[in-house]
Amino acid sequence: MAQTSKRMLEGYRVLDFTQVLAGPTTTRYMAEMGAEVVKIEFAPNGDIARGVPYIRDGRSAYYVQQNRGKKSLCLDLKKPAAAAIIRELIPRVDVLVENYAPGVIGRLGFGYEAVTELNPKIIMCSISTFGQGGPLSNRPGYDFIGCAYSGVLSMIGERDGAPSLPGVGLGDITTGVHALSAITTALLHRERTGEGQYVETSLLDCYFSYNDMPVHTASLSRGAISPRRNGAHHFAMAPLGVFNGKRSPILIMAATEYQFVYLCRAMGRPEMPSDPRFCNNTARMANVEELKRLIQDWFDAMPSDDEVYRLFNEHRVPYAQVLSIEEAMAHPHLREREVVRTVNDRYLGEFEVPGFPLRFSGYERHREMEAPTLGEHNETVLREHLGYSAERIAALEREGVLHRGDR
């Protein structure tokens, strides 16, 4: 398909009151898809992500990764003139995204009721840890806290040990993507009806939705099954887990009946699916320790991991080598599909970040984008969108309404 001249969200303008990760993920994806994102940063330090490692020469790679393609407008919102600028911008944008604690955006004067009076067609999205209402809503919270309250954290770690933290921003990033889906759906609704809308989601709402099996299992079994963390193996399906290879751990997912047949053929044990101990998942779970021992003994007897992979590929067994971050970054599949992307920052130089995970047939894979320095686009935004003169902008700088930083 021929590429079009515009990207999917080109022509849409976003006012971005977000920081750190969940909200910036939402607006970063919108920037990748062509939207103009004006990031509001509070003087004097801006988004707190500017201080998150890895930092070199005063520049945070974390901030750069999450804010490429955005424009930075840095204001001292304690000054009335700064709030006036925001009120002037709101009628000129399509979307407003915020991820402060509930009530903060309202105390700043930009709750949905105030915003919709200025722009009835605006789509406003709030992202928080616990949601805008409920007994926990006023508590401070972050990704891992949502993970803990959702029950998800209880499912990670060794059976007899403490729960283990996910080593990545799983909740923040996926909540950001949930928010993106709500915003784009609300924009579609506006295209059809002309109506603006308020949408919200939370880390806890999203985390709880990740319980693909534990919630209904606990409910329908009436307590007969208590979903619990089970270390390297699934709590309810077998064989599904991580085994020790010669060179690295190997994950196998062979818990369905046809997958188990494939695994047994690869192991040279085609009779195992007929064994009463292993004939279905219920039987396999009742004898899971014996099954795990038989599989691990086979791994131990194999001459190499490569021979395991050959047999698994031949018999179509779902498996994966458990890669380190560095191994994943170097994997030819991820490189070819630009899942690993090299970017160039004017201060940090070249480094690698995760690529944009969505693909559209009519557009190039990635946009060339750069993360802003603090307040870099003060003049651009005020001049182009509000028609401010150079003299007025200079006066706002002298009065401390506008702020700039060198990184």
Foldseek 3Di string as FASTA:
>chain_A
DAFDPAFPLAPAEEEEAEADFQRLLLVQLSLFRHYAYEYEAEPDPGHPQLVPDPDDPSGHPSLWQSFWRYHFFYFHLVDPVLLVVVLLCLQVHAEYEHEDQAPPCVVSVHDPVSSCVSHQRHEYEYEYAPDNDDPCRRPHDDQVVLCVVLCNQQQADAQPDHGDDPPDSVLSNVSSVVRNVVRVVQVVVCVVPVGYYYYYDYSNRVSNVVCPDQPVCCVVVVNPDHRGHHHQQHPQFPPFGWEDAPVAIKTFDQRAQLLVCLVCVLLVNNCVCVPQCNVHGVSCNVVVVVVNVVVNVSRVPDPHVVSSVVSCVVSVTDMDGDDDPVRVLPDPVCVVVPQWPWAQEPPPGIDIDGFDPDDDPNDDRGDRTTGDFHNNCNVVCCCPPVVDDPVVSVVCVVVRRTYGDPD
